[in-house]
């Protein structure tokens, strides 16, 4: 697992990231860097509504990005995490499609 935008960028570049979870209220510049890296990679992406909503379950007050690097853990998270757009609206079908269609076109 990689916590924070720098560690997540490194995990994406090293092709270790299987799932990236982003906070919708993260700094736009940081999100742009991550989205640029994800644009042409087959990495599932999920959005959380806030840095606190992402960080608190990890034991950190606020966190902008997390990369999950173990595929077996990813499969369980994809079932449990709703598909959301960057603006936070939930979409259907999170359980059926493991690859997230995001504003980055991740995996396409």
N, C-alpha and C. Protein backbone atom coordinates (compact mmCIF):
# COMPACT_ATOMS: atom_id res chain seq x y z
N UNK A 1 0.85 -1.16 0.00
CA UNK A 1 0.00 0.00 0.00
C UNK A 1 0.90 1.23 0.00
N UNK A 2 0.47 2.24 -0.75
CA UNK A 2 1.20 3.51 -0.80
C UNK A 2 0.26 4.61 -0.33
N UNK A 3 0.71 5.41 0.63
CA UNK A 3 -0.10 6.48 1.21
C UNK A 3 0.47 7.83 0.82
N UNK A 4 -0.37 8.72 0.33
CA UNK A 4 0.04 10.06 -0.05
C UNK A 4 0.35 10.16 -1.54
N UNK A 5 0.25 11.36 -2.05
CA UNK A 5 0.38 11.53 -3.50
C UNK A 5 1.75 11.14 -4.04
N UNK A 6 2.82 11.47 -3.35
CA UNK A 6 4.16 11.12 -3.84
C UNK A 6 4.34 9.61 -3.90
N UNK A 7 3.94 8.92 -2.85
CA UNK A 7 4.07 7.46 -2.82
C UNK A 7 3.16 6.81 -3.86
N UNK A 8 1.98 7.36 -4.06
CA UNK A 8 1.06 6.81 -5.05
C UNK A 8 1.63 7.01 -6.45
N UNK A 9 2.19 8.19 -6.74
CA UNK A 9 2.81 8.42 -8.06
C UNK A 9 3.92 7.39 -8.30
N UNK A 10 4.71 7.15 -7.28
CA UNK A 10 5.80 6.18 -7.40
C UNK A 10 5.25 4.77 -7.67
N UNK A 11 4.20 4.39 -6.97
CA UNK A 11 3.60 3.06 -7.17
C UNK A 11 3.00 2.93 -8.57
N UNK A 12 2.42 3.99 -9.08
CA UNK A 12 1.86 3.95 -10.44
C UNK A 12 2.98 3.81 -11.45
N UNK A 13 4.02 4.61 -11.32
CA UNK A 13 5.16 4.54 -12.25
C UNK A 13 5.82 3.16 -12.23
N UNK A 14 5.90 2.56 -11.05
CA UNK A 14 6.54 1.24 -10.91
C UNK A 14 5.59 0.10 -11.31
N UNK A 15 4.38 0.47 -11.74
CA UNK A 15 3.35 -0.49 -12.13
C UNK A 15 3.00 -1.45 -11.00
N UNK A 16 3.03 -0.93 -9.77
CA UNK A 16 2.66 -1.72 -8.60
C UNK A 16 1.23 -1.44 -8.15
N UNK A 17 0.67 -0.31 -8.56
CA UNK A 17 -0.67 0.09 -8.13
C UNK A 17 -1.73 -0.71 -8.88
N UNK A 18 -2.60 -1.36 -8.14
CA UNK A 18 -3.73 -2.10 -8.72
C UNK A 18 -5.02 -1.31 -8.58
N UNK A 19 -5.09 -0.46 -7.57
CA UNK A 19 -6.25 0.38 -7.30
C UNK A 19 -5.74 1.68 -6.71
N UNK A 20 -6.26 2.79 -7.20
CA UNK A 20 -5.93 4.09 -6.64
C UNK A 20 -7.22 4.71 -6.13
N UNK A 21 -7.19 5.18 -4.89
CA UNK A 21 -8.34 5.85 -4.29
C UNK A 21 -7.93 7.30 -4.07
N UNK A 22 -8.73 8.21 -4.62
CA UNK A 22 -8.42 9.63 -4.57
C UNK A 22 -9.47 10.39 -3.78
N UNK A 23 -9.06 11.42 -3.10
CA UNK A 23 -9.98 12.31 -2.38
C UNK A 23 -10.39 13.43 -3.33
N UNK A 24 -11.68 13.65 -3.46
CA UNK A 24 -12.19 14.66 -4.39
C UNK A 24 -11.75 16.07 -4.01
N UNK A 25 -11.46 16.31 -2.74
CA UNK A 25 -11.05 17.65 -2.32
C UNK A 25 -9.53 17.80 -2.20
N UNK A 26 -8.79 16.89 -2.79
CA UNK A 26 -7.33 17.01 -2.79
C UNK A 26 -6.92 18.21 -3.64
N UNK A 27 -5.70 18.66 -3.47
CA UNK A 27 -5.20 19.81 -4.23
C UNK A 27 -5.29 19.52 -5.73
N UNK A 28 -5.87 20.43 -6.49
CA UNK A 28 -6.04 20.20 -7.93
C UNK A 28 -4.74 19.85 -8.65
N UNK A 29 -3.64 20.48 -8.27
CA UNK A 29 -2.36 20.19 -8.91
C UNK A 29 -1.91 18.76 -8.67
N UNK A 30 -2.12 18.27 -7.44
CA UNK A 30 -1.76 16.89 -7.13
C UNK A 30 -2.64 15.91 -7.89
N UNK A 31 -3.94 16.20 -7.95
CA UNK A 31 -4.84 15.32 -8.69
C UNK A 31 -4.49 15.29 -10.17
N UNK A 32 -4.13 16.43 -10.71
CA UNK A 32 -3.77 16.50 -12.13
C UNK A 32 -2.55 15.61 -12.43
N UNK A 33 -1.57 15.64 -11.54
CA UNK A 33 -0.38 14.79 -11.72
C UNK A 33 -0.77 13.31 -11.69
N UNK A 34 -1.60 12.93 -10.73
CA UNK A 34 -2.02 11.53 -10.62
C UNK A 34 -2.87 11.11 -11.81
N UNK A 35 -3.81 11.96 -12.19
CA UNK A 35 -4.66 11.63 -13.33
C UNK A 35 -3.85 11.49 -14.61
N UNK A 36 -2.82 12.32 -14.77
CA UNK A 36 -1.95 12.21 -15.94
C UNK A 36 -1.24 10.86 -15.99
N UNK A 37 -0.78 10.39 -14.85
CA UNK A 37 -0.12 9.09 -14.80
C UNK A 37 -1.10 7.94 -15.05
N UNK A 38 -2.33 8.10 -14.58
CA UNK A 38 -3.33 7.03 -14.70
C UNK A 38 -3.97 6.96 -16.08
N UNK A 39 -3.85 8.02 -16.84
CA UNK A 39 -4.58 8.14 -18.10
C UNK A 39 -4.40 6.94 -19.04
N UNK A 40 -3.23 6.42 -19.16
CA UNK A 40 -2.97 5.33 -20.11
C UNK A 40 -2.60 4.02 -19.42
N UNK A 41 -3.02 3.86 -18.19
CA UNK A 41 -2.73 2.64 -17.44
C UNK A 41 -4.02 1.96 -17.03
N UNK A 42 -3.96 0.66 -16.94
CA UNK A 42 -5.12 -0.12 -16.51
C UNK A 42 -5.09 -0.27 -15.00
N UNK A 43 -5.43 0.81 -14.33
CA UNK A 43 -5.49 0.84 -12.88
C UNK A 43 -6.90 1.28 -12.50
N UNK A 44 -7.55 0.53 -11.66
CA UNK A 44 -8.88 0.90 -11.17
C UNK A 44 -8.76 2.15 -10.32
N UNK A 45 -9.77 3.02 -10.40
CA UNK A 45 -9.78 4.27 -9.64
C UNK A 45 -11.11 4.39 -8.93
N UNK A 46 -11.06 4.79 -7.69
CA UNK A 46 -12.25 5.10 -6.91
C UNK A 46 -12.05 6.47 -6.27
N UNK A 47 -13.14 7.17 -6.03
CA UNK A 47 -13.10 8.50 -5.43
C UNK A 47 -13.78 8.48 -4.08
N UNK A 48 -13.20 9.17 -3.13
CA UNK A 48 -13.83 9.42 -1.83
C UNK A 48 -14.20 10.90 -1.80
N UNK A 49 -15.22 11.23 -1.01
CA UNK A 49 -15.72 12.61 -1.01
C UNK A 49 -14.76 13.61 -0.39
N UNK A 50 -13.88 13.16 0.50
CA UNK A 50 -12.97 14.11 1.15
C UNK A 50 -11.68 13.43 1.60
N UNK A 51 -10.68 14.26 1.89
CA UNK A 51 -9.41 13.77 2.38
C UNK A 51 -9.60 13.09 3.74
N UNK A 52 -10.51 13.61 4.54
CA UNK A 52 -10.78 13.02 5.85
C UNK A 52 -11.43 11.64 5.69
N UNK A 53 -12.37 11.53 4.76
CA UNK A 53 -13.05 10.24 4.54
C UNK A 53 -12.07 9.18 4.06
N UNK A 54 -11.01 9.59 3.39
CA UNK A 54 -9.99 8.65 2.94
C UNK A 54 -8.95 8.40 4.03
N UNK A 55 -8.57 9.43 4.74
CA UNK A 55 -7.49 9.30 5.72
C UNK A 55 -7.87 8.63 7.02
N UNK A 56 -9.02 8.97 7.57
CA UNK A 56 -9.39 8.47 8.90
C UNK A 56 -9.39 6.94 8.96
N UNK A 57 -9.96 6.22 7.99
CA UNK A 57 -9.89 4.75 8.05
C UNK A 57 -8.45 4.20 8.00
N UNK A 58 -7.52 5.03 7.49
CA UNK A 58 -6.11 4.63 7.42
C UNK A 58 -5.34 5.05 8.66
N UNK A 59 -6.04 5.73 9.60
CA UNK A 59 -5.38 6.19 10.81
C UNK A 59 -4.66 7.51 10.64
N UNK A 60 -5.01 8.26 9.60
CA UNK A 60 -4.39 9.54 9.30
C UNK A 60 -5.50 10.58 9.22
N UNK A 61 -5.33 11.78 9.80
CA UNK A 61 -6.42 12.75 9.78
C UNK A 61 -6.92 13.10 8.39
N UNK A 62 -6.04 13.26 7.43
CA UNK A 62 -6.44 13.61 6.07
C UNK A 62 -5.43 13.02 5.09
N UNK A 63 -5.91 12.52 3.98
CA UNK A 63 -5.06 11.86 3.00
C UNK A 63 -5.64 12.09 1.62
N UNK A 64 -4.80 12.45 0.67
CA UNK A 64 -5.28 12.76 -0.68
C UNK A 64 -5.35 11.56 -1.60
N UNK A 65 -4.48 10.58 -1.40
CA UNK A 65 -4.43 9.45 -2.33
C UNK A 65 -3.86 8.21 -1.64
N UNK A 66 -4.37 7.06 -2.08
CA UNK A 66 -3.89 5.76 -1.61
C UNK A 66 -3.79 4.85 -2.83
N UNK A 67 -2.72 4.08 -2.90
CA UNK A 67 -2.60 3.04 -3.92
C UNK A 67 -2.57 1.69 -3.21
N UNK A 68 -3.43 0.80 -3.66
CA UNK A 68 -3.44 -0.57 -3.14
C UNK A 68 -2.63 -1.41 -4.11
N UNK A 69 -1.70 -2.19 -3.57
CA UNK A 69 -0.77 -2.92 -4.44
C UNK A 69 -0.98 -4.44 -4.42
N UNK A 70 -1.88 -4.93 -3.61
CA UNK A 70 -2.16 -6.38 -3.55
C UNK A 70 -3.50 -6.65 -4.23
N UNK A 71 -3.47 -7.39 -5.32
CA UNK A 71 -4.67 -7.65 -6.11
C UNK A 71 -5.77 -8.32 -5.29
N UNK A 72 -5.44 -9.22 -4.39
CA UNK A 72 -6.47 -9.89 -3.60
C UNK A 72 -7.23 -8.90 -2.72
N UNK A 73 -6.56 -7.89 -2.22
CA UNK A 73 -7.20 -6.86 -1.42
C UNK A 73 -8.05 -5.94 -2.31
N UNK A 74 -7.59 -5.69 -3.51
CA UNK A 74 -8.30 -4.83 -4.45
C UNK A 74 -9.67 -5.40 -4.78
N UNK A 75 -9.74 -6.68 -5.03
CA UNK A 75 -11.01 -7.31 -5.39
C UNK A 75 -12.05 -7.09 -4.29
N UNK A 76 -11.66 -7.21 -3.04
CA UNK A 76 -12.58 -6.99 -1.93
C UNK A 76 -12.99 -5.51 -1.82
N UNK A 77 -12.05 -4.61 -2.04
CA UNK A 77 -12.37 -3.18 -1.97
C UNK A 77 -13.30 -2.75 -3.10
N UNK A 78 -13.10 -3.27 -4.29
CA UNK A 78 -13.96 -2.88 -5.41
C UNK A 78 -15.41 -3.28 -5.17
N UNK A 79 -15.61 -4.35 -4.46
CA UNK A 79 -16.97 -4.78 -4.12
C UNK A 79 -17.58 -3.81 -3.11
N UNK A 80 -16.78 -3.35 -2.17
CA UNK A 80 -17.28 -2.53 -1.06
C UNK A 80 -17.31 -1.03 -1.34
N UNK A 81 -16.41 -0.55 -2.17
CA UNK A 81 -16.37 0.88 -2.46
C UNK A 81 -17.32 1.22 -3.60
N UNK A 82 -18.22 2.15 -3.38
CA UNK A 82 -19.11 2.53 -4.48
C UNK A 82 -18.35 3.27 -5.55
N UNK A 83 -18.81 3.13 -6.74
CA UNK A 83 -18.26 3.92 -7.83
C UNK A 83 -18.77 5.33 -7.65
N UNK A 84 -17.89 6.27 -7.70
CA UNK A 84 -18.28 7.68 -7.58
C UNK A 84 -17.53 8.49 -8.62
N UNK A 85 -18.16 9.53 -9.03
CA UNK A 85 -17.47 10.47 -9.89
C UNK A 85 -16.60 11.36 -8.99
N UNK A 86 -15.81 12.17 -9.59
CA UNK A 86 -14.97 13.08 -8.81
C UNK A 86 -15.82 14.01 -7.96
N UNK A 87 -17.02 14.32 -8.42
CA UNK A 87 -17.90 15.22 -7.67
C UNK A 87 -18.64 14.50 -6.56
N UNK A 88 -18.51 13.17 -6.47
CA UNK A 88 -19.07 12.43 -5.35
C UNK A 88 -20.37 11.72 -5.63
N UNK A 89 -20.95 11.87 -6.82
CA UNK A 89 -22.21 11.16 -7.09
C UNK A 89 -21.93 9.69 -7.35
N UNK A 90 -22.70 8.84 -6.70
CA UNK A 90 -22.53 7.40 -6.83
C UNK A 90 -23.09 6.94 -8.17
N UNK A 91 -22.46 5.92 -8.75
CA UNK A 91 -22.95 5.32 -9.97
C UNK A 91 -23.19 3.84 -9.74
N UNK A 92 -23.95 3.22 -10.58
CA UNK A 92 -24.27 1.80 -10.41
C UNK A 92 -23.20 0.92 -11.01
N UNK A 93 -23.19 -0.35 -10.57
CA UNK A 93 -22.36 -1.36 -11.21
C UNK A 93 -20.96 -1.50 -10.67
N UNK A 94 -20.67 -0.99 -9.50
CA UNK A 94 -19.31 -1.10 -8.97
C UNK A 94 -18.90 -2.55 -8.76
N UNK A 95 -19.87 -3.40 -8.44
CA UNK A 95 -19.53 -4.80 -8.18
C UNK A 95 -19.21 -5.57 -9.45
N UNK A 96 -19.76 -5.11 -10.57
CA UNK A 96 -19.63 -5.91 -11.78
C UNK A 96 -18.43 -5.53 -12.64
N UNK A 97 -18.02 -4.27 -12.62
CA UNK A 97 -16.92 -3.84 -13.46
C UNK A 97 -15.74 -3.41 -12.61
N UNK A 98 -14.64 -4.14 -12.64
CA UNK A 98 -13.52 -3.79 -11.79
C UNK A 98 -12.76 -2.55 -12.23
N UNK A 99 -12.77 -2.19 -13.51
CA UNK A 99 -12.03 -1.03 -13.96
C UNK A 99 -12.92 0.19 -13.95
N UNK A 100 -12.44 1.23 -13.34
CA UNK A 100 -13.21 2.45 -13.15
C UNK A 100 -13.07 3.36 -14.36
N UNK A 101 -14.19 3.86 -14.84
CA UNK A 101 -14.16 4.89 -15.84
C UNK A 101 -14.14 6.20 -15.08
N UNK A 102 -13.08 6.93 -15.20
CA UNK A 102 -12.97 8.19 -14.48
C UNK A 102 -12.69 9.30 -15.45
N UNK A 103 -12.56 10.48 -14.94
CA UNK A 103 -12.23 11.60 -15.79
C UNK A 103 -10.84 11.46 -16.40
N UNK A 104 -10.07 10.51 -15.92
CA UNK A 104 -8.73 10.29 -16.45
C UNK A 104 -8.71 9.25 -17.56
N UNK A 105 -9.84 8.60 -17.79
CA UNK A 105 -9.89 7.48 -18.73
C UNK A 105 -8.95 6.37 -18.31
N UNK A 106 -8.76 6.20 -17.03
CA UNK A 106 -7.86 5.17 -16.51
C UNK A 106 -8.24 3.82 -17.05
N UNK A 107 -7.26 3.12 -17.57
CA UNK A 107 -7.49 1.77 -18.07
C UNK A 107 -8.04 1.74 -19.47
N UNK A 108 -8.14 2.85 -20.12
CA UNK A 108 -8.67 2.85 -21.48
C UNK A 108 -7.61 3.27 -22.46
